[in-house]
């Protein structure tokens, strides 16, 4: 344990200098190759999800990840209310699922694309993903437009034979030479 006190929340201070605009930000971030994920949550009969690339391995003890979710989304609301979410790291060939959960398919029809089951927790589970995780929220931080949810990994399934789907320069990519 650290020998210093950590606050329950991390307040973001106002900028001292102007930030770049949205178009400059998007152009700069397009050079960052990221694996493509679908983050989902369930409450009762309602299931929601979104395609995300803002995912970070947070810690090994406890095993945890960090995901960034739009603060005004139904997904953020369900994650906050249930304290749970699931994540699927998509494999090359799952572009249709990525597009569906990125908003190209109506929310009611998204879970009709791909093979979905449920974790023991009841959270959605995508079969055929490189990695699928079931998470319990152990912390959150509001950034203004997004919420960073820290999720302890409760269940995990990985496919060593699958290659991850990547997003780079506004398009899907796959790793070359990966078996």
C-alpha atoms as a PDB file:
ATOM      1  CA  UNK A   1       0.000   0.000   0.000  1.00  0.00           C
ATOM      2  CA  UNK A   2       1.203   3.524  -0.682  1.00  0.00           C
ATOM      3  CA  UNK A   3       2.328   5.680   2.212  1.00  0.00           C
ATOM      4  CA  UNK A   4       0.125   8.546   1.094  1.00  0.00           C
ATOM      5  CA  UNK A   5      -3.595   9.239   1.106  1.00  0.00           C
ATOM      6  CA  UNK A   6      -5.516   8.995  -2.151  1.00  0.00           C
ATOM      7  CA  UNK A   7      -8.713  10.981  -2.673  1.00  0.00           C
ATOM      8  CA  UNK A   8     -11.947   9.117  -3.447  1.00  0.00           C
ATOM      9  CA  UNK A   9     -12.169  11.065  -6.694  1.00  0.00           C
ATOM     10  CA  UNK A  10      -9.697  12.810  -8.935  1.00  0.00           C
ATOM     11  CA  UNK A  11     -10.771  16.351  -9.724  1.00  0.00           C
ATOM     12  CA  UNK A  12      -9.599  17.603 -13.100  1.00  0.00           C
ATOM     13  CA  UNK A  13      -8.284  21.150 -12.937  1.00  0.00           C
ATOM     14  CA  UNK A  14      -9.135  23.815 -15.532  1.00  0.00           C
ATOM     15  CA  UNK A  15      -6.682  24.217 -18.404  1.00  0.00           C
ATOM     16  CA  UNK A  16      -4.099  26.992 -18.297  1.00  0.00           C
ATOM     17  CA  UNK A  17      -3.776  27.073 -22.085  1.00  0.00           C
ATOM     18  CA  UNK A  18      -6.329  26.440 -24.845  1.00  0.00           C
ATOM     19  CA  UNK A  19      -6.733  22.819 -25.898  1.00  0.00           C
ATOM     20  CA  UNK A  20      -6.728  21.651 -29.503  1.00  0.00           C
ATOM     21  CA  UNK A  21     -10.103  21.493 -31.235  1.00  0.00           C
ATOM     22  CA  UNK A  22     -12.139  18.329 -31.819  1.00  0.00           C
ATOM     23  CA  UNK A  23     -10.945  17.827 -35.417  1.00  0.00           C
ATOM     24  CA  UNK A  24      -7.284  18.176 -34.393  1.00  0.00           C
ATOM     25  CA  UNK A  25      -7.828  15.747 -31.528  1.00  0.00           C
ATOM     26  CA  UNK A  26      -9.467  13.167 -33.786  1.00  0.00           C
ATOM     27  CA  UNK A  27      -6.699  13.511 -36.399  1.00  0.00           C
ATOM     28  CA  UNK A  28      -3.988  13.088 -33.762  1.00  0.00           C
ATOM     29  CA  UNK A  29      -5.684  10.093 -32.123  1.00  0.00           C
ATOM     30  CA  UNK A  30      -6.268   8.373 -35.483  1.00  0.00           C
ATOM     31  CA  UNK A  31      -2.558   7.539 -35.478  1.00  0.00           C
ATOM     32  CA  UNK A  32      -2.992   5.529 -32.288  1.00  0.00           C
ATOM     33  CA  UNK A  33      -3.671   1.913 -33.267  1.00  0.00           C
ATOM     34  CA  UNK A  34      -6.157   0.431 -30.796  1.00  0.00           C
ATOM     35  CA  UNK A  35      -7.842  -2.893 -30.353  1.00  0.00           C
ATOM     36  CA  UNK A  36     -11.600  -2.729 -30.915  1.00  0.00           C
ATOM     37  CA  UNK A  37     -13.920  -3.715 -28.060  1.00  0.00           C
ATOM     38  CA  UNK A  38     -17.605  -3.895 -27.345  1.00  0.00           C
ATOM     39  CA  UNK A  39     -18.579  -2.937 -23.802  1.00  0.00           C
ATOM     40  CA  UNK A  40     -21.993  -4.166 -22.715  1.00  0.00           C
ATOM     41  CA  UNK A  41     -24.241  -4.076 -19.677  1.00  0.00           C
ATOM     42  CA  UNK A  42     -27.533  -5.660 -18.698  1.00  0.00           C
ATOM     43  CA  UNK A  43     -30.246  -4.714 -16.243  1.00  0.00           C
ATOM     44  CA  UNK A  44     -33.316  -6.925 -16.189  1.00  0.00           C
ATOM     45  CA  UNK A  45     -34.302  -7.570 -19.808  1.00  0.00           C
ATOM     46  CA  UNK A  46     -32.450  -4.508 -21.119  1.00  0.00           C
ATOM     47  CA  UNK A  47     -29.059  -5.045 -22.777  1.00  0.00           C
ATOM     48  CA  UNK A  48     -27.003  -2.168 -24.180  1.00  0.00           C
ATOM     49  CA  UNK A  49     -23.534  -1.842 -25.613  1.00  0.00           C
ATOM     50  CA  UNK A  50     -21.113   0.357 -27.515  1.00  0.00           C
ATOM     51  CA  UNK A  51     -17.965  -0.103 -29.561  1.00  0.00           C
ATOM     52  CA  UNK A  52     -14.987   1.410 -27.743  1.00  0.00           C
ATOM     53  CA  UNK A  53     -11.254   1.712 -28.272  1.00  0.00           C
ATOM     54  CA  UNK A  54     -10.499   3.480 -24.983  1.00  0.00           C
ATOM     55  CA  UNK A  55      -9.581   0.466 -22.858  1.00  0.00           C
ATOM     56  CA  UNK A  56      -6.577   0.065 -20.606  1.00  0.00           C
ATOM     57  CA  UNK A  57      -5.135  -2.798 -18.590  1.00  0.00           C
ATOM     58  CA  UNK A  58      -5.171  -1.222 -15.128  1.00  0.00           C
ATOM     59  CA  UNK A  59      -3.635  -3.678 -12.669  1.00  0.00           C
ATOM     60  CA  UNK A  60      -2.819  -7.311 -12.021  1.00  0.00           C
ATOM     61  CA  UNK A  61      -3.745  -7.150  -8.318  1.00  0.00           C
ATOM     62  CA  UNK A  62      -6.638  -6.920  -8.385  1.00  0.00           C
ATOM     63  CA  UNK A  63      -6.947  -7.908 -12.060  1.00  0.00           C
ATOM     64  CA  UNK A  64      -8.656  -4.833 -13.485  1.00  0.00           C
ATOM     65  CA  UNK A  65      -9.250  -2.788 -16.624  1.00  0.00           C
ATOM     66  CA  UNK A  66     -10.286   0.804 -17.272  1.00  0.00           C
ATOM     67  CA  UNK A  67     -12.914   1.726 -19.883  1.00  0.00           C
ATOM     68  CA  UNK A  68     -14.044   5.164 -21.039  1.00  0.00           C
ATOM     69  CA  UNK A  69     -17.794   5.525 -21.667  1.00  0.00           C
ATOM     70  CA  UNK A  70     -19.746   8.609 -22.842  1.00  0.00           C
ATOM     71  CA  UNK A  71     -21.289  10.084 -19.693  1.00  0.00           C
ATOM     72  CA  UNK A  72     -24.712  10.783 -21.239  1.00  0.00           C
ATOM     73  CA  UNK A  73     -25.077   7.294 -22.750  1.00  0.00           C
ATOM     74  CA  UNK A  74     -27.526   4.656 -21.615  1.00  0.00           C
ATOM     75  CA  UNK A  75     -24.518   2.339 -21.228  1.00  0.00           C
ATOM     76  CA  UNK A  76     -22.885   4.593 -18.619  1.00  0.00           C
ATOM     77  CA  UNK A  77     -26.213   4.781 -16.791  1.00  0.00           C
ATOM     78  CA  UNK A  78     -26.617   0.984 -16.692  1.00  0.00           C
ATOM     79  CA  UNK A  79     -23.026   0.391 -15.617  1.00  0.00           C
ATOM     80  CA  UNK A  80     -23.404   2.931 -12.803  1.00  0.00           C
ATOM     81  CA  UNK A  81     -26.717   1.420 -11.665  1.00  0.00           C
ATOM     82  CA  UNK A  82     -25.671  -2.244 -11.801  1.00  0.00           C
ATOM     83  CA  UNK A  83     -21.987  -1.934 -10.895  1.00  0.00           C
ATOM     84  CA  UNK A  84     -21.160  -4.428 -13.659  1.00  0.00           C
ATOM     85  CA  UNK A  85     -20.153  -4.557 -17.318  1.00  0.00           C
ATOM     86  CA  UNK A  86     -18.692  -6.985 -19.788  1.00  0.00           C
ATOM     87  CA  UNK A  87     -16.104  -6.432 -22.470  1.00  0.00           C
ATOM     88  CA  UNK A  88     -15.300  -8.311 -25.673  1.00  0.00           C
ATOM     89  CA  UNK A  89     -12.036  -7.649 -27.518  1.00  0.00           C
ATOM     90  CA  UNK A  90     -13.152  -8.244 -31.088  1.00  0.00           C
ATOM     91  CA  UNK A  91     -11.269 -10.537 -33.409  1.00  0.00           C
ATOM     92  CA  UNK A  92     -10.404  -9.870 -37.051  1.00  0.00           C
ATOM     93  CA  UNK A  93     -13.548 -10.713 -38.988  1.00  0.00           C
ATOM     94  CA  UNK A  94     -15.930  -9.197 -36.424  1.00  0.00           C
ATOM     95  CA  UNK A  95     -16.155  -5.819 -38.166  1.00  0.00           C
ATOM     96  CA  UNK A  96     -19.929  -6.186 -38.554  1.00  0.00           C
ATOM     97  CA  UNK A  97     -20.293  -6.416 -34.764  1.00  0.00           C
ATOM     98  CA  UNK A  98     -18.033  -3.374 -34.305  1.00  0.00           C
ATOM     99  CA  UNK A  99     -20.106  -1.366 -36.800  1.00  0.00           C
ATOM    100  CA  UNK A 100     -23.398  -2.443 -35.226  1.00  0.00           C
ATOM    101  CA  UNK A 101     -22.363  -1.343 -31.736  1.00  0.00           C
ATOM    102  CA  UNK A 102     -20.785   1.849 -33.129  1.00  0.00           C
ATOM    103  CA  UNK A 103     -24.294   2.966 -34.080  1.00  0.00           C
ATOM    104  CA  UNK A 104     -24.796   1.674 -37.622  1.00  0.00           C
ATOM    105  CA  UNK A 105     -27.524  -0.682 -36.381  1.00  0.00           C
ATOM    106  CA  UNK A 106     -30.498   0.246 -34.199  1.00  0.00           C
ATOM    107  CA  UNK A 107     -29.887  -0.533 -30.501  1.00  0.00           C
ATOM    108  CA  UNK A 108     -32.694  -3.114 -30.405  1.00  0.00           C
ATOM    109  CA  UNK A 109     -31.058  -5.129 -33.219  1.00  0.00           C
ATOM    110  CA  UNK A 110     -27.389  -5.050 -32.148  1.00  0.00           C
ATOM    111  CA  UNK A 111     -27.373  -8.259 -30.114  1.00  0.00           C
ATOM    112  CA  UNK A 112     -28.757 -10.080 -33.175  1.00  0.00           C
ATOM    113  CA  UNK A 113     -25.308  -9.763 -34.767  1.00  0.00           C
ATOM    114  CA  UNK A 114     -22.730 -12.244 -33.503  1.00  0.00           C
ATOM    115  CA  UNK A 115     -23.285 -15.100 -31.092  1.00  0.00           C
ATOM    116  CA  UNK A 116     -24.230 -13.812 -27.661  1.00  0.00           C
ATOM    117  CA  UNK A 117     -24.638 -15.706 -24.425  1.00  0.00           C
ATOM    118  CA  UNK A 118     -24.468 -14.680 -20.783  1.00  0.00           C
ATOM    119  CA  UNK A 119     -21.852 -14.802 -18.064  1.00  0.00           C
ATOM    120  CA  UNK A 120     -22.930 -16.404 -14.738  1.00  0.00           C
ATOM    121  CA  UNK A 121     -23.516 -12.788 -13.585  1.00  0.00           C
ATOM    122  CA  UNK A 122     -26.091 -12.330 -16.349  1.00  0.00           C
ATOM    123  CA  UNK A 123     -23.939  -9.816 -18.256  1.00  0.00           C
ATOM    124  CA  UNK A 124     -23.711 -10.320 -22.053  1.00  0.00           C
ATOM    125  CA  UNK A 125     -20.954 -12.618 -23.353  1.00  0.00           C
ATOM    126  CA  UNK A 126     -19.768 -12.495 -26.998  1.00  0.00           C
ATOM    127  CA  UNK A 127     -18.551 -15.812 -28.348  1.00  0.00           C
ATOM    128  CA  UNK A 128     -15.629 -15.775 -30.797  1.00  0.00           C
ATOM    129  CA  UNK A 129     -13.925 -12.719 -29.308  1.00  0.00           C
ATOM    130  CA  UNK A 130     -10.157 -12.674 -28.755  1.00  0.00           C
ATOM    131  CA  UNK A 131     -10.857 -12.034 -25.085  1.00  0.00           C
ATOM    132  CA  UNK A 132     -14.123 -11.703 -23.192  1.00  0.00           C
ATOM    133  CA  UNK A 133     -14.292 -10.301 -19.664  1.00  0.00           C
ATOM    134  CA  UNK A 134     -16.984  -9.997 -17.027  1.00  0.00           C
ATOM    135  CA  UNK A 135     -16.255  -7.111 -14.671  1.00  0.00           C
ATOM    136  CA  UNK A 136     -17.414  -5.626 -11.390  1.00  0.00           C
ATOM    137  CA  UNK A 137     -17.014  -1.868 -11.040  1.00  0.00           C
ATOM    138  CA  UNK A 138     -14.492  -1.002  -8.324  1.00  0.00           C
ATOM    139  CA  UNK A 139     -14.158   2.701  -9.077  1.00  0.00           C
ATOM    140  CA  UNK A 140     -15.164   5.489 -11.442  1.00  0.00           C
ATOM    141  CA  UNK A 141     -13.999   8.953 -12.405  1.00  0.00           C
ATOM    142  CA  UNK A 142     -15.960  11.602 -14.268  1.00  0.00           C
ATOM    143  CA  UNK A 143     -13.969  13.554 -16.851  1.00  0.00           C
ATOM    144  CA  UNK A 144     -16.683  15.914 -18.028  1.00  0.00           C
ATOM    145  CA  UNK A 145     -17.818  14.128 -21.201  1.00  0.00           C
ATOM    146  CA  UNK A 146     -16.936  10.556 -20.180  1.00  0.00           C
ATOM    147  CA  UNK A 147     -16.793   8.265 -17.175  1.00  0.00           C
ATOM    148  CA  UNK A 148     -13.754   6.093 -16.590  1.00  0.00           C
ATOM    149  CA  UNK A 149     -14.965   2.847 -15.032  1.00  0.00           C
ATOM    150  CA  UNK A 150     -12.424   0.619 -13.308  1.00  0.00           C
ATOM    151  CA  UNK A 151     -13.619  -2.958 -13.505  1.00  0.00           C
ATOM    152  CA  UNK A 152     -12.222  -5.901 -11.550  1.00  0.00           C
ATOM    153  CA  UNK A 153     -12.198  -8.960 -13.800  1.00  0.00           C
ATOM    154  CA  UNK A 154     -14.459 -11.644 -12.349  1.00  0.00           C
ATOM    155  CA  UNK A 155     -14.528 -14.022 -15.344  1.00  0.00           C
ATOM    156  CA  UNK A 156     -12.282 -14.242 -18.421  1.00  0.00           C
ATOM    157  CA  UNK A 157     -12.194 -16.297 -21.621  1.00  0.00           C
ATOM    158  CA  UNK A 158      -9.454 -16.000 -24.246  1.00  0.00           C
ATOM    159  CA  UNK A 159      -8.936 -17.507 -27.675  1.00  0.00           C
ATOM    160  CA  UNK A 160      -5.241 -17.918 -28.399  1.00  0.00           C
ATOM    161  CA  UNK A 161      -5.951 -18.652 -32.073  1.00  0.00           C
ATOM    162  CA  UNK A 162      -7.756 -15.362 -32.771  1.00  0.00           C
ATOM    163  CA  UNK A 163      -6.111 -12.180 -34.021  1.00  0.00           C
ATOM    164  CA  UNK A 164      -7.441  -8.854 -32.644  1.00  0.00           C
ATOM    165  CA  UNK A 165      -9.362  -6.376 -34.752  1.00  0.00           C
ATOM    166  CA  UNK A 166      -7.556  -3.021 -34.746  1.00  0.00           C
ATOM    167  CA  UNK A 167      -8.674   0.557 -35.478  1.00  0.00           C
ATOM    168  CA  UNK A 168      -6.086   2.847 -37.086  1.00  0.00           C
ATOM    169  CA  UNK A 169      -6.370   5.934 -39.302  1.00  0.00           C
ATOM    170  CA  UNK A 170     -10.190   5.729 -39.366  1.00  0.00           C
ATOM    171  CA  UNK A 171     -10.339   2.107 -40.539  1.00  0.00           C
ATOM    172  CA  UNK A 172     -10.186  -1.500 -39.389  1.00  0.00           C
ATOM    173  CA  UNK A 173      -6.867  -3.298 -39.562  1.00  0.00           C
ATOM    174  CA  UNK A 174      -5.593  -6.752 -38.667  1.00  0.00           C
ATOM    175  CA  UNK A 175      -2.204  -7.858 -37.476  1.00  0.00           C
ATOM    176  CA  UNK A 176      -0.099  -9.424 -40.214  1.00  0.00           C
ATOM    177  CA  UNK A 177       1.799 -12.638 -39.735  1.00  0.00           C
ATOM    178  CA  UNK A 178      -0.172 -13.654 -36.632  1.00  0.00           C
ATOM    179  CA  UNK A 179      -1.284 -17.264 -36.393  1.00  0.00           C
END
